[in-house]
Amino acid sequence: MESHLSFWNSIYSQFDPVAFSLFGLKVHWYGIAYACALILAFFIAKFFIRHFPQRFSIAQTMIDSYFLWAEAGVILGARLGYVLIYDPNRFYYLANPLEIFSPFDSYGNFVGISGMSFHGGAVGFLFMSWLFCRFKKQSFLQLMDLLAISVPLAYIFGRVGNFLNQELYGRIVPDNDSFGQVVGILVNGELRYPSQLLESFLEGFVLFIVVAICARFLHKNGALIAVYGIGYGVARFVAEYWREPDSQMGLYFVIDGVFGGLSMGQILSSLMILAGCGILGYVYLLDNSQKSSKSSKIAKRAQNHKT
């Protein structure tokens, strides 16, 4: 098989996930990609605040401090989410909570923090954002709309980082899939789909286009974050069909051991879609209720004026 592999098929053997070492600490390409994602999201948010002040009435200086809160929420939520949902050693970590965020292995070697969950990160991000808005007297839904249009393009770097880090790879390419044979990546002797790159396209580029288009037509606070939740959920649900399920969890709802089957990522993405639909419904039902209340008050005043 390996004699027929292209450069792309065997690209993992062509480079090291470690970009360089600094004072004995290994700096991975994933870490660099993650930093680039954060910086890009920060400047995209600044751009929309500057050019669309009526839509996003948020102070530039407030965003500076907000990103520290958001980053803390993402890291804490992503790590806790992975431990509680995916890690088979969850009860060990619950008994030893300090080790959840320890960057050292059992031998004292620095290995960094691995094992992150997007959905857990989203929960942590939302919670810290809500706290920030409470302290700063800022509209939570308006801030979420800003992040909904700022995050997708930055998310491309995150998934490319997963690809460079040689993790979260795809399912095994069947022998009869000629296209898969071309785009597949050799991982531990097996050709697999580069699902990380598919996710970067769907959850990053495509989702940004969808949110940007909706921003022209949906003007209520909370509408864009609802669209993001629905869009990400759909994109992730689709991409999961090419992504290898977590080995410790496998697939759920399999019929006769063959048909169907949903990964945990698809189950959580389904909940995300429902949450997005719920938020969108709430935003516009609330708006209609407010309009109806305002119309009733105007009519009542007009009636009182006549009498």
C-alpha atoms as a PDB file:
ATOM      1  CA  MET A   1       0.000   0.000   0.000  1.00  0.00           C
ATOM      2  CA  GLU A   2       2.692   2.476   1.028  1.00  0.00           C
ATOM      3  CA  SER A   3       4.394   2.273  -2.384  1.00  0.00           C
ATOM      4  CA  HIS A   4       1.295   3.908  -3.919  1.00  0.00           C
ATOM      5  CA  LEU A   5       1.029   6.705  -1.365  1.00  0.00           C
ATOM      6  CA  SER A   6       1.319  10.312  -2.490  1.00  0.00           C
ATOM      7  CA  PHE A   7       3.174  13.013  -0.577  1.00  0.00           C
ATOM      8  CA  TRP A   8      -0.171  14.182   0.798  1.00  0.00           C
ATOM      9  CA  ASN A   9      -1.177  10.703   1.959  1.00  0.00           C
ATOM     10  CA  SER A  10       2.027  10.397   3.988  1.00  0.00           C
ATOM     11  CA  ILE A  11       2.277  14.027   5.079  1.00  0.00           C
ATOM     12  CA  TYR A  12       2.256  13.106   8.782  1.00  0.00           C
ATOM     13  CA  SER A  13       5.612  11.420   8.322  1.00  0.00           C
ATOM     14  CA  GLN A  14       7.020  14.570   6.701  1.00  0.00           C
ATOM     15  CA  PHE A  15       6.819  16.962   9.655  1.00  0.00           C
ATOM     16  CA  ASP A  16       6.992  17.116  13.443  1.00  0.00           C
ATOM     17  CA  PRO A  17       3.973  18.341  15.475  1.00  0.00           C
ATOM     18  CA  VAL A  18       6.531  20.199  17.613  1.00  0.00           C
ATOM     19  CA  ALA A  19       7.408  23.515  15.959  1.00  0.00           C
ATOM     20  CA  PHE A  20      10.405  24.297  18.186  1.00  0.00           C
ATOM     21  CA  SER A  21      11.696  24.085  21.755  1.00  0.00           C
ATOM     22  CA  LEU A  22      12.098  27.087  24.026  1.00  0.00           C
ATOM     23  CA  PHE A  23      14.168  26.672  27.194  1.00  0.00           C
ATOM     24  CA  GLY A  24      13.509  22.950  27.093  1.00  0.00           C
ATOM     25  CA  LEU A  25       9.736  23.334  26.596  1.00  0.00           C
ATOM     26  CA  LYS A  26       8.268  21.977  23.377  1.00  0.00           C
ATOM     27  CA  VAL A  27       6.075  24.426  21.464  1.00  0.00           C
ATOM     28  CA  HIS A  28       3.576  22.556  19.288  1.00  0.00           C
ATOM     29  CA  TRP A  29       2.060  23.795  16.059  1.00  0.00           C
ATOM     30  CA  TYR A  30      -1.319  23.361  17.751  1.00  0.00           C
ATOM     31  CA  GLY A  31      -0.388  25.925  20.382  1.00  0.00           C
ATOM     32  CA  ILE A  32       0.706  28.367  17.692  1.00  0.00           C
ATOM     33  CA  ALA A  33      -2.532  27.785  15.750  1.00  0.00           C
ATOM     34  CA  TYR A  34      -4.585  28.287  18.928  1.00  0.00           C
ATOM     35  CA  ALA A  35      -2.814  31.589  19.641  1.00  0.00           C
ATOM     36  CA  CYS A  36      -3.432  32.718  16.049  1.00  0.00           C
ATOM     37  CA  ALA A  37      -7.125  31.827  16.418  1.00  0.00           C
ATOM     38  CA  LEU A  38      -7.463  33.904  19.575  1.00  0.00           C
ATOM     39  CA  ILE A  39      -5.682  36.908  18.047  1.00  0.00           C
ATOM     40  CA  LEU A  40      -7.759  36.723  14.854  1.00  0.00           C
ATOM     41  CA  ALA A  41     -11.057  36.543  16.780  1.00  0.00           C
ATOM     42  CA  PHE A  42      -9.947  39.531  18.865  1.00  0.00           C
ATOM     43  CA  PHE A  43      -9.224  41.721  15.836  1.00  0.00           C
ATOM     44  CA  ILE A  44     -12.359  40.623  13.962  1.00  0.00           C
ATOM     45  CA  ALA A  45     -14.422  41.659  16.998  1.00  0.00           C
ATOM     46  CA  LYS A  46     -12.620  45.018  17.061  1.00  0.00           C
ATOM     47  CA  PHE A  47     -13.340  45.466  13.345  1.00  0.00           C
ATOM     48  CA  PHE A  48     -17.091  44.935  13.726  1.00  0.00           C
ATOM     49  CA  ILE A  49     -17.295  47.214  16.767  1.00  0.00           C
ATOM     50  CA  ARG A  50     -15.505  49.976  14.862  1.00  0.00           C
ATOM     51  CA  HIS A  51     -17.453  49.679  11.600  1.00  0.00           C
ATOM     52  CA  PHE A  52     -20.896  48.709  12.939  1.00  0.00           C
ATOM     53  CA  PRO A  53     -21.247  50.722  16.186  1.00  0.00           C
ATOM     54  CA  GLN A  54     -25.048  50.803  16.038  1.00  0.00           C
ATOM     55  CA  ARG A  55     -25.264  47.011  15.860  1.00  0.00           C
ATOM     56  CA  PHE A  56     -22.502  46.390  18.416  1.00  0.00           C
ATOM     57  CA  SER A  57     -22.524  49.251  20.920  1.00  0.00           C
ATOM     58  CA  ILE A  58     -19.599  47.874  22.915  1.00  0.00           C
ATOM     59  CA  ALA A  59     -16.550  49.854  24.032  1.00  0.00           C
ATOM     60  CA  GLN A  60     -13.233  48.847  22.450  1.00  0.00           C
ATOM     61  CA  THR A  61     -11.562  48.807  25.866  1.00  0.00           C
ATOM     62  CA  MET A  62     -14.240  46.463  27.209  1.00  0.00           C
ATOM     63  CA  ILE A  63     -13.349  43.860  24.581  1.00  0.00           C
ATOM     64  CA  ASP A  64      -9.719  43.942  25.730  1.00  0.00           C
ATOM     65  CA  SER A  65     -10.628  42.722  29.211  1.00  0.00           C
ATOM     66  CA  TYR A  66     -13.484  40.521  28.013  1.00  0.00           C
ATOM     67  CA  PHE A  67     -11.209  38.241  26.000  1.00  0.00           C
ATOM     68  CA  LEU A  68      -9.318  37.315  29.169  1.00  0.00           C
ATOM     69  CA  TRP A  69     -12.605  36.255  30.775  1.00  0.00           C
ATOM     70  CA  ALA A  70     -13.683  34.366  27.666  1.00  0.00           C
ATOM     71  CA  GLU A  71     -10.360  32.562  27.308  1.00  0.00           C
ATOM     72  CA  ALA A  72     -10.491  31.448  30.942  1.00  0.00           C
ATOM     73  CA  GLY A  73     -14.022  30.133  30.406  1.00  0.00           C
ATOM     74  CA  VAL A  74     -13.062  28.261  27.233  1.00  0.00           C
ATOM     75  CA  ILE A  75     -10.049  26.530  28.799  1.00  0.00           C
ATOM     76  CA  LEU A  76     -11.813  25.621  32.054  1.00  0.00           C
ATOM     77  CA  GLY A  77     -15.000  24.479  30.317  1.00  0.00           C
ATOM     78  CA  ALA A  78     -13.225  22.567  27.544  1.00  0.00           C
ATOM     79  CA  ARG A  79     -11.046  20.642  29.966  1.00  0.00           C
ATOM     80  CA  LEU A  80     -13.833  19.919  32.464  1.00  0.00           C
ATOM     81  CA  GLY A  81     -16.173  18.954  29.627  1.00  0.00           C
ATOM     82  CA  TYR A  82     -13.671  16.450  28.259  1.00  0.00           C
ATOM     83  CA  VAL A  83     -13.009  14.918  31.677  1.00  0.00           C
ATOM     84  CA  LEU A  84     -16.699  14.604  32.588  1.00  0.00           C
ATOM     85  CA  ILE A  85     -18.000  13.439  29.192  1.00  0.00           C
ATOM     86  CA  TYR A  86     -15.184  11.671  27.341  1.00  0.00           C
ATOM     87  CA  ASP A  87     -12.398  10.644  29.729  1.00  0.00           C
ATOM     88  CA  PRO A  88     -12.775   7.074  31.110  1.00  0.00           C
ATOM     89  CA  ASN A  89     -10.753   8.173  34.167  1.00  0.00           C
ATOM     90  CA  ARG A  90     -13.309  10.826  35.137  1.00  0.00           C
ATOM     91  CA  PHE A  91     -13.815   9.437  38.648  1.00  0.00           C
ATOM     92  CA  TYR A  92     -10.065   9.504  39.292  1.00  0.00           C
ATOM     93  CA  TYR A  93      -9.957  13.151  38.260  1.00  0.00           C
ATOM     94  CA  LEU A  94     -12.985  13.985  40.390  1.00  0.00           C
ATOM     95  CA  ALA A  95     -11.147  12.495  43.365  1.00  0.00           C
ATOM     96  CA  ASN A  96      -7.980  14.403  42.392  1.00  0.00           C
ATOM     97  CA  PRO A  97      -9.316  17.663  40.865  1.00  0.00           C
ATOM     98  CA  LEU A  98      -5.956  19.463  40.844  1.00  0.00           C
ATOM     99  CA  GLU A  99      -4.657  16.958  38.288  1.00  0.00           C
ATOM    100  CA  ILE A 100      -7.340  17.964  35.786  1.00  0.00           C
ATOM    101  CA  PHE A 101      -5.330  21.055  34.877  1.00  0.00           C
ATOM    102  CA  SER A 102      -1.852  19.764  35.679  1.00  0.00           C
ATOM    103  CA  PRO A 103       0.545  20.120  32.691  1.00  0.00           C
ATOM    104  CA  PHE A 104       2.844  17.396  34.121  1.00  0.00           C
ATOM    105  CA  ASP A 105       2.595  13.625  33.771  1.00  0.00           C
ATOM    106  CA  SER A 106       2.978  11.132  36.632  1.00  0.00           C
ATOM    107  CA  TYR A 107       6.772  11.274  36.198  1.00  0.00           C
ATOM    108  CA  GLY A 108       6.937  15.045  36.533  1.00  0.00           C
ATOM    109  CA  ASN A 109       7.559  15.662  32.822  1.00  0.00           C
ATOM    110  CA  PHE A 110       5.948  18.718  31.238  1.00  0.00           C
ATOM    111  CA  VAL A 111       3.475  17.445  28.636  1.00  0.00           C
ATOM    112  CA  GLY A 112       0.955  20.281  28.534  1.00  0.00           C
ATOM    113  CA  ILE A 113      -2.805  19.944  28.971  1.00  0.00           C
ATOM    114  CA  SER A 114      -4.477  17.575  26.527  1.00  0.00           C
ATOM    115  CA  GLY A 115      -8.075  16.503  26.141  1.00  0.00           C
ATOM    116  CA  MET A 116     -10.456  19.356  25.349  1.00  0.00           C
ATOM    117  CA  SER A 117     -14.155  19.346  24.479  1.00  0.00           C
ATOM    118  CA  PHE A 118     -15.626  22.022  22.195  1.00  0.00           C
ATOM    119  CA  HIS A 119     -19.064  21.687  23.752  1.00  0.00           C
ATOM    120  CA  GLY A 120     -17.592  21.970  27.262  1.00  0.00           C
ATOM    121  CA  GLY A 121     -15.622  25.003  26.127  1.00  0.00           C
ATOM    122  CA  ALA A 122     -18.828  26.550  24.784  1.00  0.00           C
ATOM    123  CA  VAL A 123     -20.555  26.128  28.166  1.00  0.00           C
ATOM    124  CA  GLY A 124     -17.579  27.631  30.021  1.00  0.00           C
ATOM    125  CA  PHE A 125     -17.406  30.466  27.509  1.00  0.00           C
ATOM    126  CA  LEU A 126     -21.117  31.265  27.909  1.00  0.00           C
ATOM    127  CA  PHE A 127     -20.931  31.192  31.699  1.00  0.00           C
ATOM    128  CA  MET A 128     -17.915  33.513  31.920  1.00  0.00           C
ATOM    129  CA  SER A 129     -19.457  35.814  29.308  1.00  0.00           C
ATOM    130  CA  TRP A 130     -22.649  36.012  31.357  1.00  0.00           C
ATOM    131  CA  LEU A 131     -20.646  36.862  34.499  1.00  0.00           C
ATOM    132  CA  PHE A 132     -18.692  39.513  32.591  1.00  0.00           C
ATOM    133  CA  CYS A 133     -21.886  41.146  31.330  1.00  0.00           C
ATOM    134  CA  ARG A 134     -23.348  41.147  34.839  1.00  0.00           C
ATOM    135  CA  PHE A 135     -20.297  42.942  36.226  1.00  0.00           C
ATOM    136  CA  LYS A 136     -19.934  45.381  33.312  1.00  0.00           C
ATOM    137  CA  LYS A 137     -23.670  46.079  32.784  1.00  0.00           C
ATOM    138  CA  GLN A 138     -23.378  44.987  29.156  1.00  0.00           C
ATOM    139  CA  SER A 139     -26.058  43.356  26.994  1.00  0.00           C
ATOM    140  CA  PHE A 140     -25.292  39.634  27.047  1.00  0.00           C
ATOM    141  CA  LEU A 141     -27.113  38.854  23.795  1.00  0.00           C
ATOM    142  CA  GLN A 142     -25.418  41.715  21.941  1.00  0.00           C
ATOM    143  CA  LEU A 143     -22.001  40.534  23.074  1.00  0.00           C
ATOM    144  CA  MET A 144     -22.846  36.983  22.007  1.00  0.00           C
ATOM    145  CA  ASP A 145     -23.869  38.234  18.563  1.00  0.00           C
ATOM    146  CA  LEU A 146     -20.490  39.935  18.219  1.00  0.00           C
ATOM    147  CA  LEU A 147     -18.709  36.701  19.107  1.00  0.00           C
ATOM    148  CA  ALA A 148     -20.938  34.703  16.738  1.00  0.00           C
ATOM    149  CA  ILE A 149     -19.505  36.599  13.781  1.00  0.00           C
ATOM    150  CA  SER A 150     -15.962  36.886  15.193  1.00  0.00           C
ATOM    151  CA  VAL A 151     -15.266  33.258  16.093  1.00  0.00           C
ATOM    152  CA  PRO A 152     -15.891  31.153  12.921  1.00  0.00           C
ATOM    153  CA  LEU A 153     -12.913  32.333  10.845  1.00  0.00           C
ATOM    154  CA  ALA A 154     -10.662  32.016  13.889  1.00  0.00           C
ATOM    155  CA  TYR A 155     -11.976  28.496  14.426  1.00  0.00           C
ATOM    156  CA  ILE A 156     -10.327  27.471  11.160  1.00  0.00           C
ATOM    157  CA  PHE A 157      -6.957  27.793  12.905  1.00  0.00           C
ATOM    158  CA  GLY A 158      -8.144  25.562  15.746  1.00  0.00           C
ATOM    159  CA  ARG A 159      -9.060  22.662  13.470  1.00  0.00           C
ATOM    160  CA  VAL A 160      -5.942  23.116  11.341  1.00  0.00           C
ATOM    161  CA  GLY A 161      -4.052  22.969  14.647  1.00  0.00           C
ATOM    162  CA  ASN A 162      -5.707  19.612  15.374  1.00  0.00           C
ATOM    163  CA  PHE A 163      -4.575  18.412  11.954  1.00  0.00           C
ATOM    164  CA  LEU A 164      -0.983  19.556  12.515  1.00  0.00           C
ATOM    165  CA  ASN A 165      -1.024  17.987  15.966  1.00  0.00           C
ATOM    166  CA  GLN A 166      -2.059  14.689  14.354  1.00  0.00           C
ATOM    167  CA  GLU A 167      -5.136  14.283  16.548  1.00  0.00           C
ATOM    168  CA  LEU A 168      -8.921  13.984  16.154  1.00  0.00           C
ATOM    169  CA  TYR A 169      -8.362  12.255  12.817  1.00  0.00           C
ATOM    170  CA  GLY A 170     -11.053  10.791  10.604  1.00  0.00           C
ATOM    171  CA  ARG A 171     -12.520   7.371  10.046  1.00  0.00           C
ATOM    172  CA  ILE A 172     -10.760   4.714   7.976  1.00  0.00           C
ATOM    173  CA  VAL A 173     -11.139   5.222   4.211  1.00  0.00           C
ATOM    174  CA  PRO A 174     -12.918   2.239   2.561  1.00  0.00           C
ATOM    175  CA  ASP A 175     -11.070   0.519  -0.286  1.00  0.00           C
ATOM    176  CA  ASN A 176     -13.867   1.383  -2.738  1.00  0.00           C
ATOM    177  CA  ASP A 177     -13.717   5.145  -2.022  1.00  0.00           C
ATOM    178  CA  SER A 178     -11.458   6.479  -4.778  1.00  0.00           C
ATOM    179  CA  PHE A 179     -11.731  10.091  -3.608  1.00  0.00           C
ATOM    180  CA  GLY A 180     -10.922   9.055  -0.056  1.00  0.00           C
ATOM    181  CA  GLN A 181      -7.835   7.267  -1.338  1.00  0.00           C
ATOM    182  CA  VAL A 182      -6.636  10.581  -2.789  1.00  0.00           C
ATOM    183  CA  VAL A 183      -7.339  12.854   0.199  1.00  0.00           C
ATOM    184  CA  GLY A 184      -6.747  10.312   2.982  1.00  0.00           C
ATOM    185  CA  ILE A 185      -3.920  10.640   5.505  1.00  0.00           C
ATOM    186  CA  LEU A 186      -1.891   7.655   6.686  1.00  0.00           C
ATOM    187  CA  VAL A 187      -2.280   7.286  10.473  1.00  0.00           C
ATOM    188  CA  ASN A 188      -0.663   4.303  12.201  1.00  0.00           C
ATOM    189  CA  GLY A 189      -0.656   2.318   8.971  1.00  0.00           C
ATOM    190  CA  GLU A 190      -4.288   3.090   8.057  1.00  0.00           C
ATOM    191  CA  LEU A 191      -5.576   5.634   5.550  1.00  0.00           C
ATOM    192  CA  ARG A 192      -8.037   7.994   7.242  1.00  0.00           C
ATOM    193  CA  TYR A 193     -10.147  10.966   6.191  1.00  0.00           C
ATOM    194  CA  PRO A 194      -8.647  14.388   7.096  1.00  0.00           C
ATOM    195  CA  SER A 195     -11.812  15.226   9.032  1.00  0.00           C
ATOM    196  CA  GLN A 196     -10.095  18.095  10.864  1.00  0.00           C
ATOM    197  CA  LEU A 197      -9.779  19.989   7.574  1.00  0.00           C
ATOM    198  CA  LEU A 198     -13.399  19.227   6.672  1.00  0.00           C
ATOM    199  CA  GLU A 199     -14.429  20.635  10.039  1.00  0.00           C
ATOM    200  CA  SER A 200     -12.294  23.742   9.547  1.00  0.00           C
ATOM    201  CA  PHE A 201     -14.118  24.359   6.255  1.00  0.00           C
ATOM    202  CA  LEU A 202     -17.666  23.661   7.479  1.00  0.00           C
ATOM    203  CA  GLU A 203     -17.421  24.997  11.037  1.00  0.00           C
ATOM    204  CA  GLY A 204     -15.176  27.896  10.072  1.00  0.00           C
ATOM    205  CA  PHE A 205     -15.463  29.293   6.559  1.00  0.00           C
ATOM    206  CA  VAL A 206     -18.999  28.128   5.682  1.00  0.00           C
ATOM    207  CA  LEU A 207     -20.391  29.078   9.086  1.00  0.00           C
ATOM    208  CA  PHE A 208     -18.868  32.571   8.849  1.00  0.00           C
ATOM    209  CA  ILE A 209     -20.590  33.099   5.475  1.00  0.00           C
ATOM    210  CA  VAL A 210     -23.923  31.931   6.924  1.00  0.00           C
ATOM    211  CA  VAL A 211     -23.696  34.192   9.998  1.00  0.00           C
ATOM    212  CA  ALA A 212     -22.511  37.171   7.910  1.00  0.00           C
ATOM    213  CA  ILE A 213     -25.468  36.798   5.519  1.00  0.00           C
ATOM    214  CA  CYS A 214     -27.930  36.455   8.396  1.00  0.00           C
ATOM    215  CA  ALA A 215     -26.463  39.583  10.014  1.00  0.00           C
ATOM    216  CA  ARG A 216     -27.889  41.600   7.123  1.00  0.00           C
ATOM    217  CA  PHE A 217     -31.432  40.409   7.775  1.00  0.00           C
ATOM    218  CA  LEU A 218     -31.637  39.492  11.475  1.00  0.00           C
ATOM    219  CA  HIS A 219     -31.239  42.600  13.607  1.00  0.00           C
ATOM    220  CA  LYS A 220     -32.511  41.497  17.003  1.00  0.00           C
ATOM    221  CA  ASN A 221     -30.010  40.959  19.812  1.00  0.00           C
ATOM    222  CA  GLY A 222     -29.464  37.233  20.228  1.00  0.00           C
ATOM    223  CA  ALA A 223     -30.376  36.264  16.661  1.00  0.00           C
ATOM    224  CA  LEU A 224     -26.801  35.790  15.452  1.00  0.00           C
ATOM    225  CA  ILE A 225     -25.668  33.628  18.364  1.00  0.00           C
ATOM    226  CA  ALA A 226     -28.772  31.491  17.745  1.00  0.00           C
ATOM    227  CA  VAL A 227     -27.818  31.128  14.071  1.00  0.00           C
ATOM    228  CA  TYR A 228     -24.268  30.263  15.112  1.00  0.00           C
ATOM    229  CA  GLY A 229     -25.515  27.559  17.486  1.00  0.00           C
ATOM    230  CA  ILE A 230     -27.747  26.039  14.816  1.00  0.00           C
ATOM    231  CA  GLY A 231     -25.103  26.358  12.093  1.00  0.00           C
ATOM    232  CA  TYR A 232     -22.276  24.915  14.152  1.00  0.00           C
ATOM    233  CA  GLY A 233     -24.468  22.062  15.316  1.00  0.00           C
ATOM    234  CA  VAL A 234     -25.421  21.150  11.741  1.00  0.00           C
ATOM    235  CA  ALA A 235     -21.830  21.484  10.447  1.00  0.00           C
ATOM    236  CA  ARG A 236     -20.403  19.400  13.285  1.00  0.00           C
ATOM    237  CA  PHE A 237     -23.151  16.782  12.963  1.00  0.00           C
ATOM    238  CA  VAL A 238     -22.330  16.315   9.264  1.00  0.00           C
ATOM    239  CA  ALA A 239     -18.543  16.331   9.760  1.00  0.00           C
ATOM    240  CA  GLU A 240     -18.815  13.673  12.480  1.00  0.00           C
ATOM    241  CA  TYR A 241     -19.686  11.090   9.816  1.00  0.00           C
ATOM    242  CA  TRP A 242     -16.068  11.335   8.631  1.00  0.00           C
ATOM    243  CA  ARG A 243     -14.503  11.782  12.073  1.00  0.00           C
ATOM    244  CA  GLU A 244     -13.395   8.799  14.144  1.00  0.00           C
ATOM    245  CA  PRO A 245     -15.637   8.461  17.236  1.00  0.00           C
ATOM    246  CA  ASP A 246     -13.893   8.511  20.594  1.00  0.00           C
ATOM    247  CA  SER A 247     -12.597   4.984  21.155  1.00  0.00           C
ATOM    248  CA  GLN A 248     -13.829   4.856  24.748  1.00  0.00           C
ATOM    249  CA  MET A 249     -17.377   5.796  23.710  1.00  0.00           C
ATOM    250  CA  GLY A 250     -18.029   4.530  20.190  1.00  0.00           C
ATOM    251  CA  LEU A 251     -21.460   5.040  18.627  1.00  0.00           C
ATOM    252  CA  TYR A 252     -24.898   5.215  20.239  1.00  0.00           C
ATOM    253  CA  PHE A 253     -28.308   4.076  18.922  1.00  0.00           C
ATOM    254  CA  VAL A 254     -26.816   1.454  16.596  1.00  0.00           C
ATOM    255  CA  ILE A 255     -29.488  -0.816  15.066  1.00  0.00           C
ATOM    256  CA  ASP A 256     -28.664  -4.539  14.793  1.00  0.00           C
ATOM    257  CA  GLY A 257     -25.013  -3.716  15.345  1.00  0.00           C
ATOM    258  CA  VAL A 258     -24.757  -2.253  11.834  1.00  0.00           C
ATOM    259  CA  PHE A 259     -27.238   0.487  10.941  1.00  0.00           C
ATOM    260  CA  GLY A 260     -27.404   4.005  12.256  1.00  0.00           C
ATOM    261  CA  GLY A 261     -25.270   5.103  15.134  1.00  0.00           C
ATOM    262  CA  LEU A 262     -24.546   8.563  16.487  1.00  0.00           C
ATOM    263  CA  SER A 263     -21.316   9.754  18.055  1.00  0.00           C
ATOM    264  CA  MET A 264     -21.303  11.741  21.278  1.00  0.00           C
ATOM    265  CA  GLY A 265     -20.315  14.780  19.195  1.00  0.00           C
ATOM    266  CA  GLN A 266     -23.485  14.355  17.117  1.00  0.00           C
ATOM    267  CA  ILE A 267     -25.660  13.973  20.203  1.00  0.00           C
ATOM    268  CA  LEU A 268     -24.238  17.152  21.756  1.00  0.00           C
ATOM    269  CA  SER A 269     -24.504  18.964  18.415  1.00  0.00           C
ATOM    270  CA  SER A 270     -28.186  17.999  18.218  1.00  0.00           C
ATOM    271  CA  LEU A 271     -28.719  19.613  21.615  1.00  0.00           C
ATOM    272  CA  MET A 272     -26.854  22.678  20.349  1.00  0.00           C
ATOM    273  CA  ILE A 273     -29.208  22.903  17.349  1.00  0.00           C
ATOM    274  CA  LEU A 274     -32.241  22.690  19.631  1.00  0.00           C
ATOM    275  CA  ALA A 275     -30.788  25.348  21.929  1.00  0.00           C
ATOM    276  CA  GLY A 276     -30.148  27.635  18.950  1.00  0.00           C
ATOM    277  CA  CYS A 277     -33.722  27.176  17.722  1.00  0.00           C
ATOM    278  CA  GLY A 278     -34.990  27.893  21.230  1.00  0.00           C
ATOM    279  CA  ILE A 279     -32.961  31.113  21.480  1.00  0.00           C
ATOM    280  CA  LEU A 280     -34.114  32.264  18.039  1.00  0.00           C
ATOM    281  CA  GLY A 281     -37.731  31.591  18.947  1.00  0.00           C
ATOM    282  CA  TYR A 282     -37.347  33.378  22.281  1.00  0.00           C
ATOM    283  CA  VAL A 283     -35.750  36.444  20.671  1.00  0.00           C
ATOM    284  CA  TYR A 284     -38.525  36.952  18.136  1.00  0.00           C
ATOM    285  CA  LEU A 285     -41.399  35.954  20.415  1.00  0.00           C
ATOM    286  CA  LEU A 286     -40.082  38.454  22.959  1.00  0.00           C
ATOM    287  CA  ASP A 287     -39.838  41.104  20.247  1.00  0.00           C
ATOM    288  CA  ASN A 288     -43.407  40.460  19.079  1.00  0.00           C
ATOM    289  CA  SER A 289     -44.605  40.551  22.677  1.00  0.00           C
ATOM    290  CA  GLN A 290     -42.893  43.893  23.248  1.00  0.00           C
ATOM    291  CA  LYS A 291     -44.360  45.307  20.024  1.00  0.00           C
ATOM    292  CA  SER A 292     -47.824  44.107  21.020  1.00  0.00           C
ATOM    293  CA  SER A 293     -47.445  45.640  24.480  1.00  0.00           C
ATOM    294  CA  LYS A 294     -46.249  48.921  22.984  1.00  0.00           C
ATOM    295  CA  SER A 295     -49.169  49.002  20.532  1.00  0.00           C
ATOM    296  CA  SER A 296     -51.625  48.366  23.371  1.00  0.00           C
ATOM    297  CA  LYS A 297     -50.174  51.239  25.384  1.00  0.00           C
ATOM    298  CA  ILE A 298     -50.380  53.604  22.401  1.00  0.00           C
ATOM    299  CA  ALA A 299     -53.973  52.571  21.717  1.00  0.00           C
ATOM    300  CA  LYS A 300     -54.871  53.045  25.379  1.00  0.00           C
ATOM    301  CA  ARG A 301     -53.330  56.516  25.444  1.00  0.00           C
ATOM    302  CA  ALA A 302     -55.208  57.460  22.273  1.00  0.00           C
ATOM    303  CA  GLN A 303     -58.470  56.226  23.810  1.00  0.00           C
ATOM    304  CA  ASN A 304     -57.843  58.192  27.013  1.00  0.00           C
ATOM    305  CA  HIS A 305     -57.037  61.288  24.972  1.00  0.00           C
ATOM    306  CA  LYS A 306     -60.362  61.020  23.115  1.00  0.00           C
ATOM    307  CA  THR A 307     -62.303  60.689  26.334  1.00  0.00           C
END
